[in-house]
Protein backbone atom coordinates (compact mmCIF):
# COMPACT_ATOMS: atom_id res chain seq x y z
CA MET A 1 0.00 0.00 0.00
CA LYS A 2 1.42 3.38 -1.04
CA VAL A 3 0.24 6.18 1.24
CA LEU A 4 0.36 9.98 1.01
CA LEU A 5 0.08 11.80 4.36
CA VAL A 6 -1.51 15.25 4.55
CA ASP A 7 -1.47 17.31 7.75
CA ASP A 8 -0.31 20.78 8.72
CA HIS A 9 1.40 19.59 11.91
CA ALA A 10 4.94 18.54 11.02
CA LEU A 11 5.59 16.65 14.26
CA PHE A 12 2.44 14.56 13.81
CA LEU A 13 3.39 13.82 10.19
CA GLU A 14 6.85 12.64 11.20
CA GLY A 15 5.49 10.39 13.93
CA LEU A 16 2.82 8.89 11.68
CA GLN A 17 5.30 8.31 8.88
CA ASN A 18 7.60 6.40 11.24
CA LEU A 19 4.67 4.41 12.62
CA LEU A 20 3.48 3.34 9.16
CA ALA A 21 6.99 2.52 7.96
CA GLY A 22 7.46 0.30 11.00
CA ARG A 23 4.52 -1.81 9.82
CA GLY A 24 5.79 -2.10 6.25
CA ILE A 25 3.53 0.57 4.72
CA THR A 26 5.24 2.78 2.14
CA VAL A 27 4.78 6.52 2.69
CA VAL A 28 5.40 8.06 -0.73
CA GLY A 29 5.19 11.65 0.45
CA THR A 30 3.78 14.23 2.85
CA ALA A 31 1.88 17.47 2.30
CA ALA A 32 0.89 20.33 4.59
CA ASP A 33 -2.38 21.42 2.94
CA GLY A 34 -4.96 20.40 0.37
CA LEU A 35 -3.33 22.11 -2.59
CA GLU A 36 -0.03 20.36 -1.93
CA ALA A 37 -1.98 17.13 -1.55
CA LEU A 38 -3.54 17.49 -5.00
CA ALA A 39 -0.17 18.22 -6.63
CA MET A 40 1.49 15.28 -4.91
CA ALA A 41 -1.40 12.95 -5.69
CA ARG A 42 -0.97 13.77 -9.37
CA ALA A 43 2.77 13.16 -9.24
CA LEU A 44 2.93 10.14 -6.94
CA LEU A 45 -0.40 8.33 -7.56
CA PRO A 46 -0.71 6.85 -4.06
CA ASP A 47 -3.18 4.09 -3.29
CA VAL A 48 -4.42 5.90 -0.19
CA ILE A 49 -4.33 9.45 1.16
CA LEU A 50 -4.58 9.93 4.93
CA MET A 51 -5.67 13.54 5.29
CA ASP A 52 -6.55 15.97 8.06
CA VAL A 53 -9.77 17.97 7.78
CA ARG A 54 -8.72 21.42 8.98
CA MET A 55 -5.67 22.87 7.24
CA PRO A 56 -4.64 26.29 5.87
CA ARG A 57 -5.11 27.40 2.24
CA CYS A 58 -7.21 24.37 1.25
CA ASP A 59 -8.84 22.13 3.84
CA GLY A 60 -9.16 18.37 3.63
CA LEU A 61 -12.79 18.38 2.54
CA ALA A 62 -12.14 20.63 -0.46
CA ALA A 63 -9.01 18.64 -1.28
CA THR A 64 -10.98 15.40 -1.20
CA ARG A 65 -13.41 16.76 -3.78
CA LEU A 66 -10.55 17.95 -6.00
CA VAL A 67 -8.62 14.69 -5.84
CA LYS A 68 -11.66 12.45 -6.35
CA ALA A 69 -12.79 14.50 -9.35
CA GLU A 70 -9.43 14.04 -11.06
CA LEU A 71 -8.11 10.78 -9.60
CA PRO A 72 -11.14 8.76 -8.49
CA GLN A 73 -9.14 5.56 -8.02
CA ILE A 74 -7.29 7.00 -5.01
CA LYS A 75 -8.91 6.18 -1.67
CA ILE A 76 -9.02 9.05 0.79
CA VAL A 77 -9.39 8.55 4.53
CA MET A 78 -9.76 11.52 6.83
CA LEU A 79 -7.52 11.34 9.92
CA THR A 80 -8.50 14.17 12.22
CA THR A 81 -9.31 15.39 15.71
CA SER A 82 -12.71 16.64 14.54
CA ALA A 83 -15.61 14.44 15.57
CA GLU A 84 -18.16 17.05 14.49
CA ASP A 85 -21.08 15.74 12.47
CA GLU A 86 -20.72 18.50 9.88
CA ASP A 87 -17.15 17.45 9.03
CA LEU A 88 -17.96 13.74 9.11
CA PHE A 89 -20.98 13.96 6.81
CA GLU A 90 -19.34 16.38 4.39
CA ALA A 91 -16.29 14.12 4.11
CA ILE A 92 -18.46 11.17 3.07
CA ARG A 93 -20.40 13.33 0.61
CA SER A 94 -17.11 14.58 -0.85
CA GLY A 95 -15.99 11.05 -1.65
CA ALA A 96 -13.90 10.01 1.36
CA SER A 97 -13.67 6.26 1.85
CA GLY A 98 -13.40 6.56 5.62
CA TYR A 99 -13.15 8.85 8.62
CA LEU A 100 -10.78 8.16 11.52
CA LEU A 101 -10.11 10.09 14.70
CA LYS A 102 -6.56 10.71 15.86
CA SER A 103 -7.50 9.28 19.25
CA LEU A 104 -7.29 5.78 17.71
CA ASN A 105 -4.54 3.53 19.00
CA ALA A 106 -2.00 2.14 16.54
CA ASP A 107 -3.41 -1.39 16.41
CA ALA A 108 -6.90 -0.11 15.61
CA LEU A 109 -5.49 2.14 12.89
CA PHE A 110 -3.74 -0.75 11.17
CA GLN A 111 -6.79 -3.01 11.45
CA LEU A 112 -8.93 -0.35 9.79
CA LEU A 113 -6.36 0.22 7.04
CA ALA A 114 -6.28 -3.53 6.39
CA GLY A 115 -10.06 -3.38 6.06
CA LEU A 116 -9.70 -0.57 3.54
CA GLU A 117 -7.59 -2.87 1.35
CA ARG A 118 -10.43 -5.43 1.50
CA GLY A 119 -12.91 -2.83 0.31
CA GLU A 120 -14.33 -1.87 3.69
CA ALA A 121 -15.02 1.70 4.81
CA PRO A 122 -12.86 2.51 7.85
CA LEU A 123 -14.73 4.52 10.47
CA SER A 124 -13.75 5.17 14.06
CA PRO A 125 -15.98 3.39 16.59
CA GLY A 126 -19.30 5.14 17.02
CA LEU A 127 -19.17 7.07 13.74
CA ALA A 128 -20.83 4.50 11.46
CA ALA A 129 -24.17 4.69 13.24
CA ARG A 130 -24.08 8.50 13.05
CA VAL A 131 -23.45 8.41 9.29
CA LEU A 132 -26.30 6.00 8.67
CA ALA A 133 -28.66 7.88 10.97
CA GLU A 134 -27.97 11.18 9.20
CA PHE A 135 -28.52 9.80 5.71
CA ALA A 136 -31.67 8.06 6.89
CA ARG A 137 -32.94 11.28 8.51
CA GLN A 138 -32.51 13.21 5.27
CA ALA A 139 -34.14 10.52 3.15
CA PRO A 140 -37.78 10.07 2.19
CA ALA A 141 -39.76 7.21 3.68
CA PRO A 142 -38.07 3.81 3.24
CA ARG A 143 -38.93 1.78 0.17
CA PRO A 144 -39.16 -2.02 -0.02
CA ALA A 145 -36.10 -3.88 -1.25
CA ALA A 146 -38.00 -4.98 -4.34
CA GLN A 147 -37.81 -1.42 -5.62
CA ALA A 148 -34.05 -1.76 -6.06
CA GLU A 149 -34.54 -3.77 -9.24
CA PRO A 150 -36.23 -0.98 -11.24
CA LEU A 151 -33.14 1.12 -10.50
CA GLY A 152 -31.06 -1.30 -12.55
CA LEU A 153 -29.95 -3.79 -9.90
CA ASN A 154 -30.47 -7.47 -10.59
CA PRO A 155 -31.46 -9.91 -7.81
CA ARG A 156 -27.86 -11.02 -7.21
CA GLN A 157 -26.72 -7.41 -6.84
CA VAL A 158 -29.53 -6.77 -4.37
CA GLN A 159 -28.26 -9.74 -2.33
CA VAL A 160 -24.69 -8.45 -2.39
CA LEU A 161 -25.80 -4.92 -1.51
CA THR A 162 -27.93 -6.12 1.39
CA LEU A 163 -25.12 -8.14 2.98
CA VAL A 164 -22.47 -5.46 2.43
CA ALA A 165 -24.78 -2.84 3.95
CA GLN A 166 -25.14 -5.05 7.02
CA GLY A 167 -21.40 -4.73 7.55
CA MET A 168 -20.15 -8.02 6.10
CA PRO A 169 -16.62 -8.03 4.64
CA TYR A 170 -16.49 -8.96 0.94
CA LYS A 171 -15.01 -12.40 1.64
CA GLU A 172 -17.83 -13.26 4.04
CA VAL A 173 -20.41 -12.03 1.52
CA GLY A 174 -18.83 -14.29 -1.07
CA ASP A 175 -18.87 -17.29 1.27
CA THR A 176 -22.53 -16.65 2.08
CA LEU A 177 -23.60 -16.37 -1.56
CA GLY A 178 -21.21 -18.94 -3.03
CA LEU A 179 -19.21 -16.30 -4.91
CA SER A 180 -15.53 -15.42 -5.03
CA GLU A 181 -14.39 -12.25 -3.28
CA ARG A 182 -13.39 -10.89 -6.68
CA THR A 183 -16.93 -11.41 -8.00
CA VAL A 184 -18.39 -9.63 -4.98
CA LYS A 185 -16.09 -6.65 -5.61
CA TYR A 186 -17.18 -6.64 -9.27
CA HIS A 187 -20.84 -6.55 -8.25
CA MET A 188 -20.15 -3.69 -5.83
CA GLY A 189 -18.44 -1.73 -8.59
CA GLU A 190 -21.51 -2.23 -10.78
CA ILE A 191 -23.80 -1.18 -7.93
CA VAL A 192 -21.84 2.02 -7.29
CA GLN A 193 -22.03 2.94 -10.99
CA ARG A 194 -25.71 2.11 -11.45
CA LEU A 195 -26.79 4.01 -8.36
CA HIS A 196 -24.56 6.96 -9.35
CA LEU A 197 -22.73 6.83 -6.03
CA ARG A 198 -19.03 7.18 -5.24
CA ASN A 199 -18.03 4.69 -2.57
CA ARG A 200 -19.07 1.93 -0.21
CA ALA A 201 -20.14 4.33 2.55
CA GLU A 202 -22.66 6.01 0.21
CA VAL A 203 -23.92 2.59 -0.91
CA VAL A 204 -24.55 1.60 2.71
CA ALA A 205 -26.37 4.88 3.35
CA TRP A 206 -28.48 4.39 0.21
CA ALA A 207 -29.37 0.86 1.29
CA THR A 208 -30.44 2.14 4.69
CA ARG A 209 -32.75 4.82 3.40
CA SER A 210 -34.12 2.47 0.73
CA GLY A 211 -35.27 -0.03 3.33
CA LEU A 212 -32.78 -2.79 2.48
CA VAL A 213 -31.17 -2.47 5.91
CA ALA A 214 -32.72 -1.24 9.12
CA LEU A 215 -30.83 0.95 11.54
CA PRO A 216 -30.27 -0.70 14.91
CA ARG A 217 -32.57 0.50 17.66
CA THR A 218 -30.99 2.81 20.20
CA PRO A 219 -31.55 1.57 23.77
CA GLN A 220 -33.97 3.77 25.69
């Protein structure tokens, strides 16, 4: 995995770079703001960008939109101190593949990055439910799963979408449906295109508001 680090705090960048290198992850470069991030993404073509939200000149949210518009294959994960809903939701809308808080410990960070390589959306504990709840709140009344087919999804894609939206890793989805992990990833790519979405997190949110997956009840 080739990673570009973007943060305006030099000491944090140096520490994170050393941490990643110690686990065999290649850091191809570092940037101090969103404009530098875009230039370095063009030049270095990293697999993943770990990017802060709040930076001078061009913040991480604007940079995410710029990078995804030009280099959509690059996965962007926000790594920030901001747990504010506004930043979280805007990051997902902008095309971020995940949102992590800097309060994570190292082991959790590496587990979530490994999940990113498997096609999962890394989110710090507690954030996933907030993302789903917000998208569901903004959505019209839920529709039955059968209405997914008129939108261009075939029955197999509806199955894949339903299981992925429930949080299953791609390999487990494949085992459940008798498919290879590669086939599951292919179906997810087709689903993203047909629903005119950008990433797995948006697919999960769409599935929630469409009635394919119910949000867990919050204890009273």
